[in-house]
Amino acid sequence: MNKRGKALKIISIVFLILILLIIATAAYFYFFHVFYTFRICVSNNIQDLKVPCADSQECIDSVLGNMSSDEKSQMQSIPEIAKEKIDQAFNSAVFCEQTCKVKEIYGGGIGGVQEVSECKTGETEIKLEIRGKEGLQLYGYLKENNLI
C-alpha cells in the first residue's frame, strides 16, 4: 500500500471516530442529561371543601367538575411529559376523609408560578426532569401555543 492509501485510511478512521463521538454525545444529551428540573410540592396545608364523599375518586371528580372550560382546555393541551406529573400531584393533593379535602400545591416555575428549589420537610415532592427529548417536546408545545 502506498503512502497516499495509508493516509486516506488514517483520515477515514479518524473521521469515523469523530462521527461516532458526535452521535454518542447527541444520544447522551437527548436521553440522559438533565437540563432542568421542575419541582412541584404538595404541602400539608389542607382545605376542607365540605363536600361529603365515599372515596377519593369522588373528590377528584368533584374538583374536576368545578373547573371552568378554559381550565379544562388548558389541562387538555398540556404536553404529555407534564400531564403524568400534574396528575400525580393532583391525585396526591385531593382526598376523602368523610368530606373532600385538598392540599395546597405550589412550585413548578411555569406561567408566573414560583420556582421551588426544595420542598419543605414532610411535603410530597414531585419532580419533572427535562432532558433533551422532553425539552424538544416542551419547546414544540410552547411554540405551537405562541408562548415563546
C-alpha atoms as a PDB file:
ATOM      1  CA  MET A   1       0.000   0.000   0.000  1.00  0.00           C
ATOM      2  CA  ASN A   2       1.405   3.376  -0.889  1.00  0.00           C
ATOM      3  CA  LYS A   3       1.676   6.439   1.339  1.00  0.00           C
ATOM      4  CA  ARG A   4      -1.408   8.045  -0.152  1.00  0.00           C
ATOM      5  CA  GLY A   5      -3.535   4.960   0.600  1.00  0.00           C
ATOM      6  CA  LYS A   6      -2.279   4.810   4.194  1.00  0.00           C
ATOM      7  CA  ALA A   7      -3.007   8.495   4.748  1.00  0.00           C
ATOM      8  CA  LEU A   8      -6.525   8.114   3.306  1.00  0.00           C
ATOM      9  CA  LYS A   9      -7.141   5.101   5.553  1.00  0.00           C
ATOM     10  CA  ILE A  10      -5.992   7.020   8.664  1.00  0.00           C
ATOM     11  CA  ILE A  11      -8.115  10.055   7.747  1.00  0.00           C
ATOM     12  CA  SER A  12     -11.129   7.745   7.227  1.00  0.00           C
ATOM     13  CA  ILE A  13     -10.636   6.106  10.623  1.00  0.00           C
ATOM     14  CA  VAL A  14     -10.292   9.489  12.376  1.00  0.00           C
ATOM     15  CA  PHE A  15     -13.399  10.765  10.574  1.00  0.00           C
ATOM     16  CA  LEU A  16     -15.369   7.633  11.584  1.00  0.00           C
ATOM     17  CA  ILE A  17     -14.302   8.018  15.228  1.00  0.00           C
ATOM     18  CA  LEU A  18     -15.313  11.692  15.138  1.00  0.00           C
ATOM     19  CA  ILE A  19     -18.764  10.813  13.726  1.00  0.00           C
ATOM     20  CA  LEU A  20     -19.251   8.129  16.400  1.00  0.00           C
ATOM     21  CA  LEU A  21     -18.309  10.617  19.151  1.00  0.00           C
ATOM     22  CA  ILE A  22     -20.802  13.150  17.811  1.00  0.00           C
ATOM     23  CA  ILE A  23     -23.550  10.506  17.698  1.00  0.00           C
ATOM     24  CA  ALA A  24     -22.756   9.313  21.250  1.00  0.00           C
ATOM     25  CA  THR A  25     -22.748  12.896  22.568  1.00  0.00           C
ATOM     26  CA  ALA A  26     -26.081  13.686  20.888  1.00  0.00           C
ATOM     27  CA  ALA A  27     -27.629  10.486  22.299  1.00  0.00           C
ATOM     28  CA  TYR A  28     -26.372  11.353  25.789  1.00  0.00           C
ATOM     29  CA  PHE A  29     -27.881  14.849  25.701  1.00  0.00           C
ATOM     30  CA  TYR A  30     -31.142  13.599  24.140  1.00  0.00           C
ATOM     31  CA  PHE A  31     -31.796  10.689  26.520  1.00  0.00           C
ATOM     32  CA  PHE A  32     -29.773  11.127  29.716  1.00  0.00           C
ATOM     33  CA  HIS A  33     -28.530  14.637  30.567  1.00  0.00           C
ATOM     34  CA  VAL A  34     -30.981  16.560  32.800  1.00  0.00           C
ATOM     35  CA  PHE A  35     -31.040  20.184  31.646  1.00  0.00           C
ATOM     36  CA  TYR A  36     -33.625  21.400  34.162  1.00  0.00           C
ATOM     37  CA  THR A  37     -35.771  20.037  36.997  1.00  0.00           C
ATOM     38  CA  PHE A  38     -39.236  21.379  37.787  1.00  0.00           C
ATOM     39  CA  ARG A  39     -40.355  20.698  41.357  1.00  0.00           C
ATOM     40  CA  ILE A  40     -43.979  20.589  42.432  1.00  0.00           C
ATOM     41  CA  CYS A  41     -44.660  20.415  46.169  1.00  0.00           C
ATOM     42  CA  VAL A  42     -47.827  19.106  47.777  1.00  0.00           C
ATOM     43  CA  SER A  43     -47.928  20.757  51.189  1.00  0.00           C
ATOM     44  CA  ASN A  44     -49.576  19.628  54.398  1.00  0.00           C
ATOM     45  CA  ASN A  45     -51.906  22.676  54.411  1.00  0.00           C
ATOM     46  CA  ILE A  46     -55.386  21.231  53.942  1.00  0.00           C
ATOM     47  CA  GLN A  47     -58.558  22.965  52.827  1.00  0.00           C
ATOM     48  CA  ASP A  48     -61.874  21.233  53.595  1.00  0.00           C
ATOM     49  CA  LEU A  49     -64.288  21.542  50.664  1.00  0.00           C
ATOM     50  CA  LYS A  50     -67.215  20.393  52.872  1.00  0.00           C
ATOM     51  CA  VAL A  51     -68.439  18.058  50.116  1.00  0.00           C
ATOM     52  CA  PRO A  52     -69.475  14.643  51.508  1.00  0.00           C
ATOM     53  CA  CYS A  53     -67.653  11.721  49.887  1.00  0.00           C
ATOM     54  CA  ALA A  54     -67.181   7.965  49.987  1.00  0.00           C
ATOM     55  CA  ASP A  55     -63.749   7.796  48.328  1.00  0.00           C
ATOM     56  CA  SER A  56     -61.026   9.978  46.851  1.00  0.00           C
ATOM     57  CA  GLN A  57     -62.212   9.461  43.280  1.00  0.00           C
ATOM     58  CA  GLU A  58     -65.487  11.228  44.126  1.00  0.00           C
ATOM     59  CA  CYS A  59     -63.474  14.219  45.331  1.00  0.00           C
ATOM     60  CA  ILE A  60     -61.289  14.227  42.229  1.00  0.00           C
ATOM     61  CA  ASP A  61     -64.396  14.101  40.019  1.00  0.00           C
ATOM     62  CA  SER A  62     -65.977  16.911  42.061  1.00  0.00           C
ATOM     63  CA  VAL A  63     -62.942  19.175  41.743  1.00  0.00           C
ATOM     64  CA  LEU A  64     -62.627  18.458  38.016  1.00  0.00           C
ATOM     65  CA  GLY A  65     -66.355  19.121  37.595  1.00  0.00           C
ATOM     66  CA  ASN A  66     -65.970  22.581  39.139  1.00  0.00           C
ATOM     67  CA  MET A  67     -63.200  23.634  36.739  1.00  0.00           C
ATOM     68  CA  SER A  68     -64.049  26.232  34.095  1.00  0.00           C
ATOM     69  CA  SER A  69     -63.984  25.228  30.434  1.00  0.00           C
ATOM     70  CA  ASP A  70     -60.843  27.351  29.964  1.00  0.00           C
ATOM     71  CA  GLU A  71     -59.078  25.498  32.784  1.00  0.00           C
ATOM     72  CA  LYS A  72     -60.167  22.141  31.330  1.00  0.00           C
ATOM     73  CA  SER A  73     -58.957  23.014  27.830  1.00  0.00           C
ATOM     74  CA  GLN A  74     -55.679  24.256  29.294  1.00  0.00           C
ATOM     75  CA  MET A  75     -55.271  20.917  31.109  1.00  0.00           C
ATOM     76  CA  GLN A  76     -56.000  19.018  27.873  1.00  0.00           C
ATOM     77  CA  SER A  77     -53.369  20.922  25.889  1.00  0.00           C
ATOM     78  CA  ILE A  78     -50.515  20.298  28.340  1.00  0.00           C
ATOM     79  CA  PRO A  79     -47.709  18.210  26.825  1.00  0.00           C
ATOM     80  CA  GLU A  80     -47.781  14.507  27.703  1.00  0.00           C
ATOM     81  CA  ILE A  81     -44.487  14.788  29.586  1.00  0.00           C
ATOM     82  CA  ALA A  82     -46.111  17.111  32.119  1.00  0.00           C
ATOM     83  CA  LYS A  83     -49.597  15.528  32.286  1.00  0.00           C
ATOM     84  CA  GLU A  84     -48.394  12.492  34.203  1.00  0.00           C
ATOM     85  CA  LYS A  85     -46.671  14.616  36.869  1.00  0.00           C
ATOM     86  CA  ILE A  86     -49.592  17.041  37.153  1.00  0.00           C
ATOM     87  CA  ASP A  87     -51.990  14.101  37.544  1.00  0.00           C
ATOM     88  CA  GLN A  88     -49.700  12.640  40.195  1.00  0.00           C
ATOM     89  CA  ALA A  89     -49.673  15.952  42.125  1.00  0.00           C
ATOM     90  CA  PHE A  90     -53.433  16.356  41.744  1.00  0.00           C
ATOM     91  CA  ASN A  91     -54.157  12.785  42.898  1.00  0.00           C
ATOM     92  CA  SER A  92     -51.962  13.157  45.978  1.00  0.00           C
ATOM     93  CA  ALA A  93     -53.495  16.548  46.851  1.00  0.00           C
ATOM     94  CA  VAL A  94     -57.201  15.642  46.611  1.00  0.00           C
ATOM     95  CA  PHE A  95     -58.524  13.033  49.041  1.00  0.00           C
ATOM     96  CA  CYS A  96     -61.552  11.957  51.077  1.00  0.00           C
ATOM     97  CA  GLU A  97     -61.934  11.916  54.869  1.00  0.00           C
ATOM     98  CA  GLN A  98     -65.747  11.946  55.192  1.00  0.00           C
ATOM     99  CA  THR A  99     -65.611  15.238  53.240  1.00  0.00           C
ATOM    100  CA  CYS A 100     -63.396  16.192  50.309  1.00  0.00           C
ATOM    101  CA  LYS A 101     -60.113  17.797  51.253  1.00  0.00           C
ATOM    102  CA  VAL A 102     -57.445  19.440  49.104  1.00  0.00           C
ATOM    103  CA  LYS A 103     -53.795  20.004  49.973  1.00  0.00           C
ATOM    104  CA  GLU A 104     -52.036  23.121  48.705  1.00  0.00           C
ATOM    105  CA  ILE A 105     -49.889  22.602  45.600  1.00  0.00           C
ATOM    106  CA  TYR A 106     -47.088  25.027  44.779  1.00  0.00           C
ATOM    107  CA  GLY A 107     -43.995  25.250  42.622  1.00  0.00           C
ATOM    108  CA  GLY A 108     -43.441  24.296  39.036  1.00  0.00           C
ATOM    109  CA  GLY A 109     -41.892  27.547  37.885  1.00  0.00           C
ATOM    110  CA  ILE A 110     -44.042  27.920  34.751  1.00  0.00           C
ATOM    111  CA  GLY A 111     -46.511  30.648  33.892  1.00  0.00           C
ATOM    112  CA  GLY A 112     -45.631  33.011  36.712  1.00  0.00           C
ATOM    113  CA  VAL A 113     -45.753  30.232  39.318  1.00  0.00           C
ATOM    114  CA  GLN A 114     -42.922  30.381  41.832  1.00  0.00           C
ATOM    115  CA  GLU A 115     -39.954  28.137  41.239  1.00  0.00           C
ATOM    116  CA  VAL A 116     -39.038  25.878  44.156  1.00  0.00           C
ATOM    117  CA  SER A 117     -35.531  24.558  44.767  1.00  0.00           C
ATOM    118  CA  GLU A 118     -36.658  22.203  47.535  1.00  0.00           C
ATOM    119  CA  CYS A 119     -39.907  21.201  49.224  1.00  0.00           C
ATOM    120  CA  LYS A 120     -40.327  21.586  52.977  1.00  0.00           C
ATOM    121  CA  THR A 121     -39.797  18.604  55.268  1.00  0.00           C
ATOM    122  CA  GLY A 122     -42.781  16.252  55.259  1.00  0.00           C
ATOM    123  CA  GLU A 123     -44.202  17.521  51.970  1.00  0.00           C
ATOM    124  CA  THR A 124     -44.583  15.396  48.860  1.00  0.00           C
ATOM    125  CA  GLU A 125     -42.129  16.364  46.132  1.00  0.00           C
ATOM    126  CA  ILE A 126     -42.865  15.596  42.504  1.00  0.00           C
ATOM    127  CA  LYS A 127     -40.011  16.195  40.056  1.00  0.00           C
ATOM    128  CA  LEU A 128     -40.220  16.625  36.301  1.00  0.00           C
ATOM    129  CA  GLU A 129     -36.745  16.272  34.836  1.00  0.00           C
ATOM    130  CA  ILE A 130     -36.267  17.885  31.446  1.00  0.00           C
ATOM    131  CA  ARG A 131     -33.834  16.020  29.222  1.00  0.00           C
ATOM    132  CA  GLY A 132     -33.244  16.732  25.553  1.00  0.00           C
ATOM    133  CA  LYS A 133     -36.228  14.674  24.426  1.00  0.00           C
ATOM    134  CA  GLU A 134     -38.644  16.381  26.839  1.00  0.00           C
ATOM    135  CA  GLY A 135     -37.088  19.766  26.105  1.00  0.00           C
ATOM    136  CA  LEU A 136     -37.849  19.417  22.412  1.00  0.00           C
ATOM    137  CA  GLN A 137     -41.455  18.383  23.185  1.00  0.00           C
ATOM    138  CA  LEU A 138     -41.855  21.319  25.569  1.00  0.00           C
ATOM    139  CA  TYR A 139     -40.349  23.701  23.019  1.00  0.00           C
ATOM    140  CA  GLY A 140     -42.798  22.427  20.379  1.00  0.00           C
ATOM    141  CA  TYR A 141     -45.730  22.947  22.773  1.00  0.00           C
ATOM    142  CA  LEU A 142     -44.635  26.476  23.687  1.00  0.00           C
ATOM    143  CA  LYS A 143     -44.092  27.414  20.048  1.00  0.00           C
ATOM    144  CA  GLU A 144     -47.408  25.852  18.971  1.00  0.00           C
ATOM    145  CA  ASN A 145     -49.297  27.853  21.599  1.00  0.00           C
ATOM    146  CA  ASN A 146     -47.413  31.085  20.862  1.00  0.00           C
ATOM    147  CA  LEU A 147     -45.906  31.169  24.348  1.00  0.00           C
ATOM    148  CA  ILE A 148     -42.425  31.958  23.015  1.00  0.00           C
END
